[in-house]
Amino acid sequence: MKVAIIDDHKMFRQGVESMLFEHEGLSLAWGAKGTAEAIANLKEVEPDVILMDITLGDESGITLTKSILEQYPNIKILGLSMHKEDNYIVSLLEVGAKGYLLKDAGSEEMVMAIKKVYEGDTYYSSHVTNVLMKHVTQGTKPSQSGSQIKLTSREMEVLKLIAEEYSNPEIAKQLFISIRTVDTHRRNLLDKIKAKNTAGLVRYAMKYGIVD
């Protein structure tokens, strides 16, 4: 079974690669940090399953999932993300992903999820199952975060962490970017959202469901 991973964090890609080598029957087809690399690799090797991060720097894993499945409908895509918000989960599943796994999942759960989607089934972590059941039973649909103002995937990540009271150095460490880059994103967010300060950013994040 050939597995590919699309994630902009090199260390995480390497960790998944090591995990795959430990399990018989699984092999790494390739890894990519973003859209350009993924498209180039797909032309060379078509994997059976792709592990897809939702935020790829300033690119969207949701958009990339939709694009890949339009060209390669037989590939199974499994979302693998740090995001637990309803709108991220539902948006990825709506474009054709066969499952959604949080990055804090253990290696055994990840292998089980890969095998299930490869066999044509679906796989959702327990948190994702709860999210889906909540909206099914309530007959609701998650609001589209940031629907009033278009933010890049990276801006969404930074905004979420700001709202969770992370400092600029902590955000930089979390996202593997420089403090200066975080500061630039913060200024851009203030400008886009027309907020006067951090409190305004937090209110916006809560209003549109970016944080609880």
N, C-alpha and C. Protein backbone atom coordinates (compact mmCIF):
# COMPACT_ATOMS: atom_id res chain seq x y z
N MET A 1 0.84 -1.18 0.00
CA MET A 1 0.00 0.00 0.00
C MET A 1 0.89 1.25 0.00
N LYS A 2 0.75 2.08 -1.02
CA LYS A 2 1.59 3.26 -1.15
C LYS A 2 0.89 4.46 -0.47
N VAL A 3 1.59 5.07 0.47
CA VAL A 3 1.04 6.20 1.22
C VAL A 3 1.88 7.45 0.98
N ALA A 4 1.23 8.57 0.72
CA ALA A 4 1.92 9.85 0.57
C ALA A 4 1.47 10.77 1.69
N ILE A 5 2.31 11.75 2.03
CA ILE A 5 1.93 12.72 3.04
C ILE A 5 2.20 14.13 2.53
N ILE A 6 1.22 14.99 2.69
CA ILE A 6 1.36 16.40 2.31
C ILE A 6 1.21 17.22 3.58
N ASP A 7 2.34 17.78 4.03
CA ASP A 7 2.38 18.54 5.28
C ASP A 7 3.55 19.50 5.19
N ASP A 8 3.37 20.73 5.63
CA ASP A 8 4.44 21.72 5.48
C ASP A 8 5.48 21.66 6.59
N HIS A 9 5.33 20.74 7.52
CA HIS A 9 6.32 20.58 8.59
C HIS A 9 7.19 19.35 8.30
N LYS A 10 8.45 19.60 8.00
CA LYS A 10 9.37 18.53 7.60
C LYS A 10 9.51 17.47 8.69
N MET A 11 9.62 17.91 9.94
CA MET A 11 9.81 16.95 11.04
C MET A 11 8.62 16.02 11.16
N PHE A 12 7.42 16.55 10.94
CA PHE A 12 6.24 15.69 11.03
C PHE A 12 6.21 14.69 9.89
N ARG A 13 6.59 15.14 8.68
CA ARG A 13 6.64 14.21 7.54
C ARG A 13 7.64 13.09 7.82
N GLN A 14 8.77 13.44 8.39
CA GLN A 14 9.78 12.43 8.70
C GLN A 14 9.28 11.45 9.76
N GLY A 15 8.51 11.96 10.72
CA GLY A 15 7.96 11.09 11.75
C GLY A 15 6.98 10.08 11.18
N VAL A 16 6.13 10.54 10.27
CA VAL A 16 5.18 9.63 9.62
C VAL A 16 5.93 8.61 8.77
N GLU A 17 6.97 9.05 8.08
CA GLU A 17 7.76 8.12 7.26
C GLU A 17 8.35 7.01 8.11
N SER A 18 8.89 7.37 9.27
CA SER A 18 9.47 6.36 10.18
C SER A 18 8.40 5.39 10.66
N MET A 19 7.22 5.92 10.94
CA MET A 19 6.12 5.08 11.40
C MET A 19 5.70 4.08 10.32
N LEU A 20 5.65 4.53 9.07
CA LEU A 20 5.24 3.64 7.97
C LEU A 20 6.23 2.49 7.78
N PHE A 21 7.52 2.79 7.93
CA PHE A 21 8.54 1.76 7.74
C PHE A 21 8.44 0.65 8.78
N GLU A 22 7.81 0.95 9.92
CA GLU A 22 7.70 -0.03 10.99
C GLU A 22 6.53 -1.00 10.78
N HIS A 23 5.70 -0.73 9.78
CA HIS A 23 4.51 -1.56 9.57
C HIS A 23 4.56 -2.26 8.21
N GLU A 24 4.49 -3.56 8.26
CA GLU A 24 4.54 -4.36 7.03
C GLU A 24 3.33 -4.05 6.15
N GLY A 25 3.59 -3.94 4.87
CA GLY A 25 2.51 -3.69 3.93
C GLY A 25 2.29 -2.22 3.62
N LEU A 26 2.97 -1.33 4.36
CA LEU A 26 2.86 0.11 4.12
C LEU A 26 4.20 0.66 3.64
N SER A 27 4.16 1.54 2.66
CA SER A 27 5.39 2.18 2.19
C SER A 27 5.11 3.63 1.86
N LEU A 28 6.14 4.46 1.98
CA LEU A 28 5.99 5.88 1.67
C LEU A 28 6.21 6.09 0.18
N ALA A 29 5.18 6.58 -0.50
CA ALA A 29 5.31 6.89 -1.93
C ALA A 29 6.13 8.15 -2.11
N TRP A 30 5.80 9.19 -1.36
CA TRP A 30 6.51 10.46 -1.37
C TRP A 30 5.93 11.38 -0.31
N GLY A 31 6.68 12.46 -0.04
CA GLY A 31 6.20 13.49 0.87
C GLY A 31 6.28 14.82 0.15
N ALA A 32 5.41 15.74 0.50
CA ALA A 32 5.39 17.06 -0.12
C ALA A 32 5.02 18.10 0.92
N LYS A 33 5.59 19.29 0.78
CA LYS A 33 5.29 20.37 1.73
C LYS A 33 4.15 21.27 1.27
N GLY A 34 3.76 21.14 0.00
CA GLY A 34 2.71 22.00 -0.51
C GLY A 34 2.19 21.57 -1.86
N THR A 35 1.39 22.43 -2.47
CA THR A 35 0.70 22.10 -3.72
C THR A 35 1.64 21.75 -4.87
N ALA A 36 2.63 22.61 -5.10
CA ALA A 36 3.52 22.41 -6.25
C ALA A 36 4.24 21.06 -6.19
N GLU A 37 4.79 20.74 -5.02
CA GLU A 37 5.49 19.47 -4.86
C GLU A 37 4.53 18.29 -5.00
N ALA A 38 3.35 18.43 -4.44
CA ALA A 38 2.37 17.34 -4.50
C ALA A 38 1.97 17.04 -5.94
N ILE A 39 1.67 18.08 -6.71
CA ILE A 39 1.26 17.89 -8.11
C ILE A 39 2.38 17.25 -8.92
N ALA A 40 3.60 17.69 -8.69
CA ALA A 40 4.75 17.12 -9.40
C ALA A 40 4.93 15.65 -9.04
N ASN A 41 4.80 15.32 -7.78
CA ASN A 41 4.97 13.93 -7.34
C ASN A 41 3.85 13.02 -7.85
N LEU A 42 2.65 13.55 -7.93
CA LEU A 42 1.52 12.76 -8.42
C LEU A 42 1.72 12.33 -9.86
N LYS A 43 2.40 13.14 -10.64
CA LYS A 43 2.66 12.80 -12.03
C LYS A 43 3.64 11.64 -12.15
N GLU A 44 4.45 11.45 -11.10
CA GLU A 44 5.44 10.38 -11.10
C GLU A 44 4.90 9.11 -10.44
N VAL A 45 4.27 9.27 -9.29
CA VAL A 45 3.76 8.11 -8.54
C VAL A 45 2.38 8.44 -7.98
N GLU A 46 1.40 7.61 -8.29
CA GLU A 46 0.05 7.79 -7.77
C GLU A 46 -0.13 6.91 -6.54
N PRO A 47 -0.22 7.49 -5.36
CA PRO A 47 -0.35 6.69 -4.13
C PRO A 47 -1.76 6.14 -3.96
N ASP A 48 -1.89 5.20 -3.06
CA ASP A 48 -3.21 4.66 -2.74
C ASP A 48 -3.94 5.57 -1.75
N VAL A 49 -3.18 6.08 -0.79
CA VAL A 49 -3.74 6.94 0.26
C VAL A 49 -2.85 8.16 0.44
N ILE A 50 -3.47 9.32 0.61
CA ILE A 50 -2.73 10.54 0.92
C ILE A 50 -3.15 11.04 2.29
N LEU A 51 -2.16 11.31 3.14
CA LEU A 51 -2.41 11.97 4.42
C LEU A 51 -2.30 13.47 4.17
N MET A 52 -3.36 14.20 4.39
CA MET A 52 -3.43 15.61 4.00
C MET A 52 -3.60 16.54 5.19
N ASP A 53 -2.63 17.44 5.37
CA ASP A 53 -2.79 18.48 6.37
C ASP A 53 -3.72 19.55 5.79
N ILE A 54 -4.47 20.22 6.65
CA ILE A 54 -5.43 21.22 6.16
C ILE A 54 -4.75 22.55 5.85
N THR A 55 -3.79 22.94 6.68
CA THR A 55 -3.12 24.21 6.45
C THR A 55 -1.69 23.96 6.01
N LEU A 56 -1.36 24.41 4.81
CA LEU A 56 -0.04 24.19 4.22
C LEU A 56 0.60 25.55 3.99
N GLY A 57 1.07 26.16 5.08
CA GLY A 57 1.58 27.52 4.96
C GLY A 57 0.44 28.44 4.59
N ASP A 58 0.59 29.16 3.48
CA ASP A 58 -0.47 30.05 3.01
C ASP A 58 -1.41 29.34 2.04
N GLU A 59 -1.25 28.03 1.87
CA GLU A 59 -2.10 27.26 0.98
C GLU A 59 -3.14 26.49 1.78
N SER A 60 -4.15 26.00 1.09
CA SER A 60 -5.23 25.27 1.75
C SER A 60 -5.22 23.80 1.34
N GLY A 61 -5.17 22.93 2.35
CA GLY A 61 -5.26 21.51 2.07
C GLY A 61 -6.64 21.10 1.59
N ILE A 62 -7.64 21.89 1.95
CA ILE A 62 -9.00 21.61 1.49
C ILE A 62 -9.10 21.83 -0.02
N THR A 63 -8.55 22.95 -0.47
CA THR A 63 -8.55 23.25 -1.92
C THR A 63 -7.74 22.21 -2.68
N LEU A 64 -6.59 21.83 -2.11
CA LEU A 64 -5.74 20.84 -2.77
C LEU A 64 -6.42 19.48 -2.82
N THR A 65 -7.13 19.11 -1.77
CA THR A 65 -7.87 17.84 -1.76
C THR A 65 -8.88 17.80 -2.90
N LYS A 66 -9.63 18.87 -3.04
CA LYS A 66 -10.63 18.95 -4.11
C LYS A 66 -9.98 18.83 -5.48
N SER A 67 -8.85 19.51 -5.68
CA SER A 67 -8.15 19.49 -6.96
C SER A 67 -7.62 18.10 -7.29
N ILE A 68 -7.02 17.44 -6.28
CA ILE A 68 -6.46 16.10 -6.50
C ILE A 68 -7.55 15.11 -6.86
N LEU A 69 -8.65 15.14 -6.13
CA LEU A 69 -9.71 14.16 -6.37
C LEU A 69 -10.42 14.38 -7.71
N GLU A 70 -10.39 15.61 -8.23
CA GLU A 70 -10.96 15.85 -9.56
C GLU A 70 -10.12 15.17 -10.64
N GLN A 71 -8.80 15.09 -10.41
CA GLN A 71 -7.89 14.49 -11.39
C GLN A 71 -7.60 13.02 -11.10
N TYR A 72 -7.61 12.66 -9.82
CA TYR A 72 -7.29 11.28 -9.41
C TYR A 72 -8.38 10.77 -8.46
N PRO A 73 -9.56 10.47 -8.99
CA PRO A 73 -10.70 10.09 -8.14
C PRO A 73 -10.52 8.79 -7.36
N ASN A 74 -9.57 7.96 -7.76
CA ASN A 74 -9.38 6.68 -7.07
C ASN A 74 -8.50 6.79 -5.83
N ILE A 75 -7.82 7.92 -5.67
CA ILE A 75 -6.98 8.11 -4.49
C ILE A 75 -7.86 8.37 -3.27
N LYS A 76 -7.50 7.76 -2.15
CA LYS A 76 -8.21 7.99 -0.90
C LYS A 76 -7.43 9.03 -0.09
N ILE A 77 -8.13 10.06 0.36
CA ILE A 77 -7.47 11.12 1.12
C ILE A 77 -7.98 11.13 2.56
N LEU A 78 -7.02 11.13 3.48
CA LEU A 78 -7.32 11.12 4.92
C LEU A 78 -6.78 12.42 5.52
N GLY A 79 -7.68 13.23 6.06
CA GLY A 79 -7.25 14.47 6.70
C GLY A 79 -6.46 14.17 7.96
N LEU A 80 -5.37 14.91 8.14
CA LEU A 80 -4.51 14.72 9.31
C LEU A 80 -4.11 16.11 9.78
N SER A 81 -4.74 16.58 10.85
CA SER A 81 -4.58 17.99 11.20
C SER A 81 -4.60 18.23 12.70
N MET A 82 -4.10 19.41 13.09
CA MET A 82 -4.19 19.84 14.48
C MET A 82 -5.52 20.53 14.76
N HIS A 83 -6.27 20.84 13.70
CA HIS A 83 -7.51 21.61 13.86
C HIS A 83 -8.68 20.73 14.29
N LYS A 84 -9.34 21.14 15.38
CA LYS A 84 -10.49 20.40 15.89
C LYS A 84 -11.81 21.13 15.61
N GLU A 85 -11.73 22.30 14.97
CA GLU A 85 -12.93 23.11 14.76
C GLU A 85 -13.87 22.45 13.75
N ASP A 86 -15.16 22.60 14.01
CA ASP A 86 -16.19 21.97 13.19
C ASP A 86 -16.04 22.31 11.71
N ASN A 87 -15.82 23.60 11.40
CA ASN A 87 -15.83 24.01 9.99
C ASN A 87 -14.69 23.39 9.20
N TYR A 88 -13.52 23.24 9.82
CA TYR A 88 -12.40 22.59 9.13
C TYR A 88 -12.75 21.15 8.79
N ILE A 89 -13.27 20.45 9.78
CA ILE A 89 -13.59 19.03 9.61
C ILE A 89 -14.60 18.82 8.50
N VAL A 90 -15.71 19.53 8.59
CA VAL A 90 -16.79 19.36 7.62
C VAL A 90 -16.37 19.80 6.23
N SER A 91 -15.61 20.91 6.14
CA SER A 91 -15.18 21.41 4.83
C SER A 91 -14.32 20.39 4.09
N LEU A 92 -13.42 19.72 4.82
CA LEU A 92 -12.56 18.73 4.18
C LEU A 92 -13.37 17.51 3.73
N LEU A 93 -14.29 17.07 4.56
CA LEU A 93 -15.10 15.91 4.20
C LEU A 93 -16.03 16.23 3.03
N GLU A 94 -16.48 17.46 2.94
CA GLU A 94 -17.38 17.85 1.86
C GLU A 94 -16.71 17.81 0.50
N VAL A 95 -15.39 17.99 0.45
CA VAL A 95 -14.70 17.97 -0.85
C VAL A 95 -14.21 16.56 -1.21
N GLY A 96 -14.51 15.57 -0.36
CA GLY A 96 -14.24 14.19 -0.75
C GLY A 96 -13.27 13.39 0.09
N ALA A 97 -12.74 13.98 1.16
CA ALA A 97 -11.84 13.20 2.03
C ALA A 97 -12.61 12.05 2.66
N LYS A 98 -11.93 10.92 2.86
CA LYS A 98 -12.58 9.72 3.39
C LYS A 98 -12.46 9.59 4.90
N GLY A 99 -11.78 10.54 5.52
CA GLY A 99 -11.66 10.47 6.97
C GLY A 99 -10.92 11.67 7.50
N TYR A 100 -10.84 11.76 8.82
CA TYR A 100 -10.20 12.91 9.47
C TYR A 100 -9.60 12.42 10.77
N LEU A 101 -8.31 12.64 10.91
CA LEU A 101 -7.57 12.17 12.07
C LEU A 101 -6.80 13.35 12.66
N LEU A 102 -6.84 13.48 13.98
CA LEU A 102 -6.09 14.55 14.62
C LEU A 102 -4.63 14.14 14.78
N LYS A 103 -3.74 15.14 14.74
CA LYS A 103 -2.31 14.84 14.76
C LYS A 103 -1.81 14.24 16.07
N ASP A 104 -2.62 14.34 17.11
CA ASP A 104 -2.18 13.73 18.37
C ASP A 104 -2.54 12.25 18.45
N ALA A 105 -3.04 11.69 17.35
CA ALA A 105 -3.36 10.26 17.31
C ALA A 105 -2.07 9.44 17.39
N GLY A 106 -2.15 8.28 17.96
CA GLY A 106 -1.00 7.39 18.04
C GLY A 106 -0.76 6.69 16.71
N SER A 107 0.39 6.05 16.59
CA SER A 107 0.75 5.39 15.33
C SER A 107 -0.21 4.25 15.00
N GLU A 108 -0.68 3.52 16.01
CA GLU A 108 -1.58 2.40 15.74
C GLU A 108 -2.91 2.89 15.17
N GLU A 109 -3.41 3.99 15.72
CA GLU A 109 -4.66 4.54 15.19
C GLU A 109 -4.47 5.05 13.76
N MET A 110 -3.32 5.67 13.51
CA MET A 110 -3.05 6.18 12.17
C MET A 110 -3.00 5.04 11.15
N VAL A 111 -2.34 3.95 11.50
CA VAL A 111 -2.25 2.79 10.60
C VAL A 111 -3.64 2.21 10.36
N MET A 112 -4.43 2.11 11.41
CA MET A 112 -5.79 1.58 11.27
C MET A 112 -6.62 2.47 10.34
N ALA A 113 -6.47 3.80 10.49
CA ALA A 113 -7.21 4.74 9.65
C ALA A 113 -6.81 4.62 8.19
N ILE A 114 -5.51 4.49 7.95
CA ILE A 114 -5.00 4.33 6.58
C ILE A 114 -5.58 3.08 5.94
N LYS A 115 -5.56 1.97 6.67
CA LYS A 115 -6.06 0.71 6.13
C LYS A 115 -7.56 0.76 5.86
N LYS A 116 -8.31 1.42 6.73
CA LYS A 116 -9.75 1.50 6.56
C LYS A 116 -10.12 2.30 5.30
N VAL A 117 -9.49 3.46 5.12
CA VAL A 117 -9.85 4.26 3.93
C VAL A 117 -9.35 3.58 2.66
N TYR A 118 -8.23 2.86 2.75
CA TYR A 118 -7.71 2.12 1.59
C TYR A 118 -8.71 1.04 1.16
N GLU A 119 -9.36 0.43 2.13
CA GLU A 119 -10.33 -0.63 1.85
C GLU A 119 -11.69 -0.09 1.42
N GLY A 120 -11.82 1.23 1.33
CA GLY A 120 -13.07 1.82 0.87
C GLY A 120 -14.00 2.27 1.98
N ASP A 121 -13.55 2.13 3.22
CA ASP A 121 -14.35 2.55 4.36
C ASP A 121 -14.00 4.00 4.71
N THR A 122 -14.58 4.53 5.77
CA THR A 122 -14.23 5.85 6.26
C THR A 122 -13.67 5.72 7.66
N TYR A 123 -12.93 6.73 8.10
CA TYR A 123 -12.41 6.70 9.46
C TYR A 123 -12.42 8.11 10.05
N TYR A 124 -13.02 8.22 11.23
CA TYR A 124 -13.03 9.48 11.94
C TYR A 124 -12.56 9.25 13.37
N SER A 125 -11.71 10.13 13.87
CA SER A 125 -11.31 10.04 15.27
C SER A 125 -12.55 10.26 16.13
N SER A 126 -12.46 9.93 17.40
CA SER A 126 -13.63 10.03 18.28
C SER A 126 -14.14 11.48 18.36
N HIS A 127 -13.22 12.44 18.38
CA HIS A 127 -13.64 13.85 18.43
C HIS A 127 -14.42 14.21 17.17
N VAL A 128 -13.92 13.79 16.02
CA VAL A 128 -14.58 14.11 14.75
C VAL A 128 -15.97 13.46 14.69
N THR A 129 -16.07 12.22 15.17
CA THR A 129 -17.36 11.54 15.20
C THR A 129 -18.36 12.32 16.04
N ASN A 130 -17.90 12.84 17.17
CA ASN A 130 -18.78 13.62 18.03
C ASN A 130 -19.25 14.90 17.34
N VAL A 131 -18.33 15.53 16.61
CA VAL A 131 -18.68 16.76 15.88
C VAL A 131 -19.75 16.46 14.85
N LEU A 132 -19.56 15.40 14.07
CA LEU A 132 -20.51 15.05 13.02
C LEU A 132 -21.87 14.68 13.61
N MET A 133 -21.85 13.90 14.68
CA MET A 133 -23.10 13.48 15.30
C MET A 133 -23.87 14.68 15.88
N LYS A 134 -23.14 15.64 16.41
CA LYS A 134 -23.78 16.82 16.97
C LYS A 134 -24.60 17.55 15.91
N HIS A 135 -24.00 17.71 14.73
CA HIS A 135 -24.69 18.45 13.68
C HIS A 135 -25.80 17.62 13.02
N VAL A 136 -25.60 16.30 13.00
CA VAL A 136 -26.66 15.44 12.46
C VAL A 136 -27.89 15.47 13.36
N THR A 137 -27.67 15.33 14.66
CA THR A 137 -28.79 15.29 15.60
C THR A 137 -29.47 16.65 15.72
N GLN A 138 -28.71 17.72 15.58
CA GLN A 138 -29.28 19.06 15.70
C GLN A 138 -29.78 19.60 14.37
N GLY A 139 -29.44 18.90 13.29
CA GLY A 139 -29.86 19.37 11.98
C GLY A 139 -29.21 20.68 11.60
N THR A 140 -27.97 20.88 12.05
CA THR A 140 -27.27 22.13 11.78
C THR A 140 -26.04 21.87 10.95
N LYS A 141 -25.42 22.95 10.49
CA LYS A 141 -24.17 22.88 9.74
C LYS A 141 -23.21 23.89 10.33
N PRO A 142 -21.95 23.53 10.50
CA PRO A 142 -20.98 24.46 11.08
C PRO A 142 -20.90 25.75 10.27
N SER A 143 -20.77 26.86 10.98
CA SER A 143 -20.60 28.14 10.28
C SER A 143 -19.24 28.16 9.62
N GLN A 144 -19.13 28.87 8.52
CA GLN A 144 -17.86 28.97 7.82
C GLN A 144 -17.00 30.03 8.50
N SER A 145 -15.96 29.59 9.18
CA SER A 145 -15.11 30.52 9.91
C SER A 145 -14.55 31.57 8.97
N GLY A 146 -14.58 32.83 9.42
CA GLY A 146 -14.00 33.88 8.62
C GLY A 146 -14.77 34.14 7.36
N SER A 147 -16.07 33.81 7.31
CA SER A 147 -16.82 33.94 6.08
C SER A 147 -16.99 35.39 5.66
N GLN A 148 -16.90 36.31 6.62
CA GLN A 148 -17.07 37.71 6.28
C GLN A 148 -15.81 38.30 5.64
N ILE A 149 -14.68 37.80 6.01
CA ILE A 149 -13.40 38.31 5.52
C ILE A 149 -12.54 37.12 5.11
N LYS A 150 -11.98 37.17 3.92
CA LYS A 150 -11.16 36.05 3.43
C LYS A 150 -9.77 36.12 4.04
N LEU A 151 -9.43 35.10 4.81
CA LEU A 151 -8.11 34.99 5.42
C LEU A 151 -7.38 33.80 4.82
N THR A 152 -6.06 33.90 4.74
CA THR A 152 -5.27 32.78 4.26
C THR A 152 -5.24 31.70 5.35
N SER A 153 -4.83 30.51 4.96
CA SER A 153 -4.74 29.41 5.93
C SER A 153 -3.79 29.77 7.06
N ARG A 154 -2.66 30.40 6.72
CA ARG A 154 -1.70 30.78 7.75
C ARG A 154 -2.27 31.85 8.68
N GLU A 155 -2.99 32.82 8.12
CA GLU A 155 -3.61 33.84 8.95
C GLU A 155 -4.62 33.22 9.91
N MET A 156 -5.35 32.21 9.43
CA MET A 156 -6.30 31.51 10.29
C MET A 156 -5.58 30.83 11.45
N GLU A 157 -4.44 30.21 11.15
CA GLU A 157 -3.66 29.53 12.20
C GLU A 157 -3.18 30.54 13.23
N VAL A 158 -2.63 31.66 12.75
CA VAL A 158 -2.11 32.68 13.66
C VAL A 158 -3.24 33.27 14.50
N LEU A 159 -4.36 33.56 13.86
CA LEU A 159 -5.50 34.13 14.59
C LEU A 159 -5.98 33.17 15.68
N LYS A 160 -6.06 31.90 15.36
CA LYS A 160 -6.49 30.90 16.34
C LYS A 160 -5.57 30.90 17.56
N LEU A 161 -4.27 30.93 17.32
CA LEU A 161 -3.31 30.89 18.42
C LEU A 161 -3.31 32.19 19.21
N ILE A 162 -3.52 33.32 18.53
CA ILE A 162 -3.65 34.59 19.24
C ILE A 162 -4.84 34.53 20.19
N ALA A 163 -5.95 34.01 19.68
CA ALA A 163 -7.17 33.91 20.48
C ALA A 163 -7.00 32.95 21.65
N GLU A 164 -6.07 32.01 21.52
CA GLU A 164 -5.80 31.06 22.59
C GLU A 164 -4.71 31.57 23.53
N GLU A 165 -4.38 32.87 23.39
CA GLU A 165 -3.46 33.59 24.29
C GLU A 165 -2.00 33.19 24.14
N TYR A 166 -1.61 32.71 22.96
CA TYR A 166 -0.20 32.45 22.70
C TYR A 166 0.50 33.78 22.41
N SER A 167 1.73 33.91 22.87
CA SER A 167 2.53 35.09 22.56
C SER A 167 3.15 34.94 21.17
N ASN A 168 3.70 36.03 20.64
CA ASN A 168 4.34 35.95 19.32
C ASN A 168 5.46 34.91 19.29
N PRO A 169 6.36 34.87 20.27
CA PRO A 169 7.40 33.83 20.26
C PRO A 169 6.82 32.42 20.32
N GLU A 170 5.76 32.23 21.09
CA GLU A 170 5.14 30.91 21.20
C GLU A 170 4.48 30.51 19.88
N ILE A 171 3.85 31.48 19.20
CA ILE A 171 3.23 31.19 17.90
C ILE A 171 4.30 30.82 16.89
N ALA A 172 5.41 31.56 16.90
CA ALA A 172 6.50 31.29 15.98
C ALA A 172 7.03 29.87 16.16
N LYS A 173 7.19 29.45 17.40
CA LYS A 173 7.67 28.10 17.70
C LYS A 173 6.67 27.05 17.27
N GLN A 174 5.40 27.30 17.51
CA GLN A 174 4.33 26.36 17.19
C GLN A 174 4.22 26.14 15.68
N LEU A 175 4.39 27.22 14.90
CA LEU A 175 4.18 27.15 13.45
C LEU A 175 5.48 27.06 12.66
N PHE A 176 6.62 27.01 13.35
CA PHE A 176 7.92 26.89 12.70
C PHE A 176 8.18 28.08 11.76
N ILE A 177 7.84 29.28 12.22
CA ILE A 177 8.11 30.50 11.45
C ILE A 177 8.83 31.49 12.37
N SER A 178 9.32 32.59 11.81
CA SER A 178 10.04 33.58 12.60
C SER A 178 9.07 34.48 13.36
N ILE A 179 9.57 35.08 14.43
CA ILE A 179 8.75 36.02 15.21
C ILE A 179 8.36 37.21 14.34
N ARG A 180 9.27 37.62 13.48
CA ARG A 180 8.98 38.74 12.58
C ARG A 180 7.81 38.40 11.64
N THR A 181 7.77 37.16 11.17
CA THR A 181 6.68 36.74 10.30
C THR A 181 5.36 36.73 11.06
N VAL A 182 5.39 36.28 12.31
CA VAL A 182 4.18 36.30 13.14
C VAL A 182 3.68 37.73 13.30
N ASP A 183 4.61 38.64 13.56
CA ASP A 183 4.24 40.04 13.74
C ASP A 183 3.60 40.60 12.47
N THR A 184 4.13 40.20 11.31
CA THR A 184 3.56 40.64 10.04
C THR A 184 2.14 40.12 9.88
N HIS A 185 1.93 38.84 10.21
CA HIS A 185 0.58 38.26 10.12
C HIS A 185 -0.37 38.97 11.08
N ARG A 186 0.12 39.29 12.28
CA ARG A 186 -0.73 39.97 13.26
C ARG A 186 -1.17 41.34 12.74
N ARG A 187 -0.24 42.08 12.15
CA ARG A 187 -0.57 43.40 11.60
C ARG A 187 -1.56 43.28 10.44
N ASN A 188 -1.35 42.25 9.59
CA ASN A 188 -2.27 42.03 8.47
C ASN A 188 -3.67 41.68 8.97
N LEU A 189 -3.74 40.88 10.03
CA LEU A 189 -5.03 40.52 10.60
C LEU A 189 -5.76 41.74 11.17
N LEU A 190 -5.02 42.57 11.87
CA LEU A 190 -5.62 43.79 12.41
C LEU A 190 -6.17 44.67 11.30
N ASP A 191 -5.42 44.73 10.20
CA ASP A 191 -5.84 45.56 9.07
C ASP A 191 -7.07 44.96 8.38
N LYS A 192 -7.04 43.64 8.11
CA LYS A 192 -8.14 42.98 7.41
C LYS A 192 -9.43 43.01 8.22
N ILE A 193 -9.30 42.71 9.50
CA ILE A 193 -10.47 42.59 10.35
C ILE A 193 -10.94 43.96 10.85
N LYS A 194 -10.08 44.96 10.69
CA LYS A 194 -10.37 46.32 11.16
C LYS A 194 -10.49 46.34 12.68
N ALA A 195 -9.63 45.55 13.31
CA ALA A 195 -9.60 45.51 14.77
C ALA A 195 -8.56 46.49 15.28
N LYS A 196 -8.79 47.05 16.45
CA LYS A 196 -7.87 48.03 17.02
C LYS A 196 -6.75 47.36 17.81
N ASN A 197 -7.03 46.18 18.32
CA ASN A 197 -6.05 45.51 19.18
C ASN A 197 -6.32 44.01 19.23
N THR A 198 -5.56 43.32 20.09
CA THR A 198 -5.70 41.87 20.21
C THR A 198 -7.10 41.47 20.66
N ALA A 199 -7.69 42.27 21.53
CA ALA A 199 -9.05 41.95 22.01
C ALA A 199 -10.02 41.88 20.84
N GLY A 200 -9.84 42.77 19.86
CA GLY A 200 -10.70 42.76 18.68
C GLY A 200 -10.52 41.49 17.87
N LEU A 201 -9.28 41.02 17.77
CA LEU A 201 -9.00 39.78 17.05
C LEU A 201 -9.66 38.59 17.76
N VAL A 202 -9.59 38.59 19.08
CA VAL A 202 -10.18 37.50 19.86
C VAL A 202 -11.70 37.48 19.68
N ARG A 203 -12.33 38.66 19.72
CA ARG A 203 -13.78 38.73 19.53
C ARG A 203 -14.18 38.19 18.15
N TYR A 204 -13.39 38.53 17.14
CA TYR A 204 -13.67 38.06 15.78
C TYR A 204 -13.55 36.53 15.72
N ALA A 205 -12.49 36.01 16.31
CA ALA A 205 -12.26 34.56 16.30
C ALA A 205 -13.40 33.82 16.99
N MET A 206 -13.91 34.37 18.07
CA MET A 206 -15.01 33.73 18.78
C MET A 206 -16.32 33.85 18.01
N LYS A 207 -16.54 34.99 17.38
CA LYS A 207 -17.77 35.22 16.62
C LYS A 207 -17.92 34.22 15.48
N TYR A 208 -16.82 33.92 14.79
CA TYR A 208 -16.89 33.05 13.62
C TYR A 208 -16.46 31.62 13.89
N GLY A 209 -16.39 31.25 15.18
CA GLY A 209 -16.16 29.86 15.52
C GLY A 209 -14.74 29.36 15.31
N ILE A 210 -13.78 30.30 15.18
CA ILE A 210 -12.38 29.89 14.99
C ILE A 210 -11.84 29.30 16.30
N VAL A 211 -12.35 29.81 17.42
CA VAL A 211 -12.09 29.21 18.73
C VAL A 211 -13.42 29.13 19.46
N ASP A 212 -13.49 28.26 20.46
CA ASP A 212 -14.73 28.13 21.24
C ASP A 212 -14.87 29.31 22.19
